[in-house]
Amino acid sequence: MMSVTVQHYVNPRNGVHTYIVRWREENQPDTLGDYYVAFRSFASAVDFICTNFDG
């Protein structure tokens, strides 16, 4: 099963929010890191997930 996670980060210096979508392919070896893409809005992160992962 593919794993998809959304991480939320707030920069303490300027308050900018970043949403990171991380995923791991089904048969991906443990030696490879996760894939990830960063977004400035939660809606864009959700749209990316729905478009690319049959959400």
N, C-alpha and C. Protein backbone atom coordinates (compact mmCIF):
# COMPACT_ATOMS: atom_id res chain seq x y z
N MET A 1 0.84 -1.18 0.00
CA MET A 1 0.00 0.00 0.00
C MET A 1 0.89 1.25 0.00
N MET A 2 0.52 2.22 -0.78
CA MET A 2 1.26 3.47 -0.85
C MET A 2 0.94 4.32 0.39
N SER A 3 1.94 5.03 0.86
CA SER A 3 1.78 5.88 2.03
C SER A 3 1.91 7.34 1.62
N VAL A 4 0.92 8.17 1.98
CA VAL A 4 0.96 9.61 1.70
C VAL A 4 0.73 10.35 3.01
N THR A 5 1.58 11.35 3.28
CA THR A 5 1.50 12.11 4.52
C THR A 5 1.57 13.60 4.21
N VAL A 6 0.82 14.40 4.96
CA VAL A 6 0.92 15.86 4.86
C VAL A 6 1.54 16.38 6.15
N GLN A 7 2.62 17.13 6.02
CA GLN A 7 3.26 17.76 7.18
C GLN A 7 3.03 19.26 7.09
N HIS A 8 2.78 19.87 8.23
CA HIS A 8 2.56 21.32 8.30
C HIS A 8 3.71 21.95 9.07
N TYR A 9 4.31 22.96 8.50
CA TYR A 9 5.43 23.66 9.12
C TYR A 9 5.15 25.15 9.11
N VAL A 10 5.40 25.81 10.25
CA VAL A 10 5.29 27.27 10.33
C VAL A 10 6.67 27.82 10.68
N ASN A 11 7.17 28.70 9.82
CA ASN A 11 8.47 29.32 10.06
C ASN A 11 8.32 30.28 11.24
N PRO A 12 9.05 30.05 12.33
CA PRO A 12 8.89 30.90 13.52
C PRO A 12 9.36 32.34 13.32
N ARG A 13 10.18 32.59 12.33
CA ARG A 13 10.69 33.95 12.11
C ARG A 13 9.70 34.85 11.40
N ASN A 14 9.00 34.28 10.41
CA ASN A 14 8.10 35.14 9.64
C ASN A 14 6.65 34.64 9.59
N GLY A 15 6.36 33.49 10.20
CA GLY A 15 5.00 32.98 10.27
C GLY A 15 4.47 32.36 8.98
N VAL A 16 5.34 32.13 8.01
CA VAL A 16 4.92 31.55 6.72
C VAL A 16 4.62 30.06 6.92
N HIS A 17 3.47 29.64 6.41
CA HIS A 17 3.06 28.23 6.50
C HIS A 17 3.53 27.48 5.27
N THR A 18 3.99 26.25 5.47
CA THR A 18 4.38 25.36 4.38
C THR A 18 3.75 24.00 4.64
N TYR A 19 3.15 23.44 3.61
CA TYR A 19 2.54 22.11 3.68
C TYR A 19 3.35 21.18 2.78
N ILE A 20 3.88 20.12 3.36
CA ILE A 20 4.74 19.19 2.64
C ILE A 20 3.99 17.89 2.45
N VAL A 21 3.84 17.48 1.19
CA VAL A 21 3.23 16.19 0.86
C VAL A 21 4.37 15.21 0.62
N ARG A 22 4.41 14.16 1.44
CA ARG A 22 5.45 13.13 1.32
C ARG A 22 4.77 11.82 0.95
N TRP A 23 5.43 11.05 0.09
CA TRP A 23 4.88 9.74 -0.25
C TRP A 23 5.99 8.76 -0.52
N ARG A 24 5.63 7.51 -0.39
CA ARG A 24 6.54 6.39 -0.63
C ARG A 24 5.80 5.40 -1.54
N GLU A 25 6.48 5.01 -2.61
CA GLU A 25 5.89 4.06 -3.54
C GLU A 25 5.71 2.69 -2.89
N GLU A 26 4.83 1.90 -3.44
CA GLU A 26 4.45 0.61 -2.85
C GLU A 26 5.64 -0.32 -2.62
N ASN A 27 6.46 -0.53 -3.63
CA ASN A 27 7.57 -1.48 -3.51
C ASN A 27 8.92 -0.78 -3.46
N GLN A 28 8.94 0.42 -2.94
CA GLN A 28 10.17 1.21 -2.88
C GLN A 28 11.11 0.65 -1.81
N PRO A 29 12.37 0.43 -2.14
CA PRO A 29 13.32 -0.09 -1.14
C PRO A 29 13.52 0.91 0.00
N ASP A 30 13.83 0.40 1.17
CA ASP A 30 14.04 1.25 2.35
C ASP A 30 15.26 2.15 2.21
N THR A 31 16.15 1.81 1.30
CA THR A 31 17.35 2.62 1.12
C THR A 31 17.06 3.94 0.41
N LEU A 32 15.90 4.06 -0.25
CA LEU A 32 15.52 5.31 -0.91
C LEU A 32 14.66 6.14 0.04
N GLY A 33 14.85 7.44 0.02
CA GLY A 33 14.03 8.33 0.84
C GLY A 33 12.66 8.54 0.21
N ASP A 34 11.79 9.22 0.96
CA ASP A 34 10.46 9.54 0.46
C ASP A 34 10.55 10.61 -0.63
N TYR A 35 9.53 10.63 -1.49
CA TYR A 35 9.37 11.73 -2.43
C TYR A 35 8.61 12.83 -1.69
N TYR A 36 8.83 14.10 -2.05
CA TYR A 36 8.07 15.15 -1.40
C TYR A 36 7.96 16.38 -2.29
N VAL A 37 6.88 17.14 -2.05
CA VAL A 37 6.61 18.39 -2.73
C VAL A 37 6.07 19.36 -1.69
N ALA A 38 6.49 20.62 -1.72
CA ALA A 38 6.04 21.61 -0.75
C ALA A 38 5.07 22.60 -1.39
N PHE A 39 4.07 23.02 -0.60
CA PHE A 39 3.06 23.97 -1.06
C PHE A 39 2.89 25.06 -0.01
N ARG A 40 2.45 26.22 -0.43
CA ARG A 40 2.18 27.33 0.50
C ARG A 40 0.74 27.31 1.01
N SER A 41 -0.15 26.57 0.35
CA SER A 41 -1.54 26.51 0.83
C SER A 41 -1.97 25.07 0.99
N PHE A 42 -2.81 24.84 2.00
CA PHE A 42 -3.32 23.50 2.27
C PHE A 42 -4.19 23.01 1.11
N ALA A 43 -4.96 23.92 0.52
CA ALA A 43 -5.83 23.55 -0.60
C ALA A 43 -5.00 23.03 -1.78
N SER A 44 -3.86 23.64 -2.04
CA SER A 44 -3.00 23.17 -3.13
C SER A 44 -2.44 21.78 -2.83
N ALA A 45 -2.09 21.53 -1.57
CA ALA A 45 -1.58 20.22 -1.18
C ALA A 45 -2.64 19.16 -1.36
N VAL A 46 -3.88 19.46 -0.94
CA VAL A 46 -4.98 18.50 -1.10
C VAL A 46 -5.28 18.27 -2.57
N ASP A 47 -5.27 19.33 -3.37
CA ASP A 47 -5.50 19.19 -4.81
C ASP A 47 -4.44 18.30 -5.45
N PHE A 48 -3.19 18.46 -5.05
CA PHE A 48 -2.11 17.61 -5.57
C PHE A 48 -2.36 16.14 -5.22
N ILE A 49 -2.77 15.89 -3.99
CA ILE A 49 -3.04 14.50 -3.56
C ILE A 49 -4.20 13.92 -4.35
N CYS A 50 -5.28 14.67 -4.49
CA CYS A 50 -6.46 14.17 -5.21
C CYS A 50 -6.15 13.93 -6.69
N THR A 51 -5.33 14.76 -7.28
CA THR A 51 -5.00 14.63 -8.69
C THR A 51 -4.04 13.48 -8.97
N ASN A 52 -3.09 13.27 -8.06
CA ASN A 52 -2.02 12.31 -8.33
C ASN A 52 -2.15 10.97 -7.63
N PHE A 53 -3.01 10.87 -6.64
CA PHE A 53 -3.09 9.62 -5.87
C PHE A 53 -4.51 9.08 -5.79
N ASP A 54 -5.34 9.38 -6.78
CA ASP A 54 -6.72 8.88 -6.83
C ASP A 54 -7.45 9.11 -5.52
N GLY A 55 -7.33 10.35 -5.01
CA GLY A 55 -7.92 10.69 -3.71
C GLY A 55 -9.37 10.95 -3.78
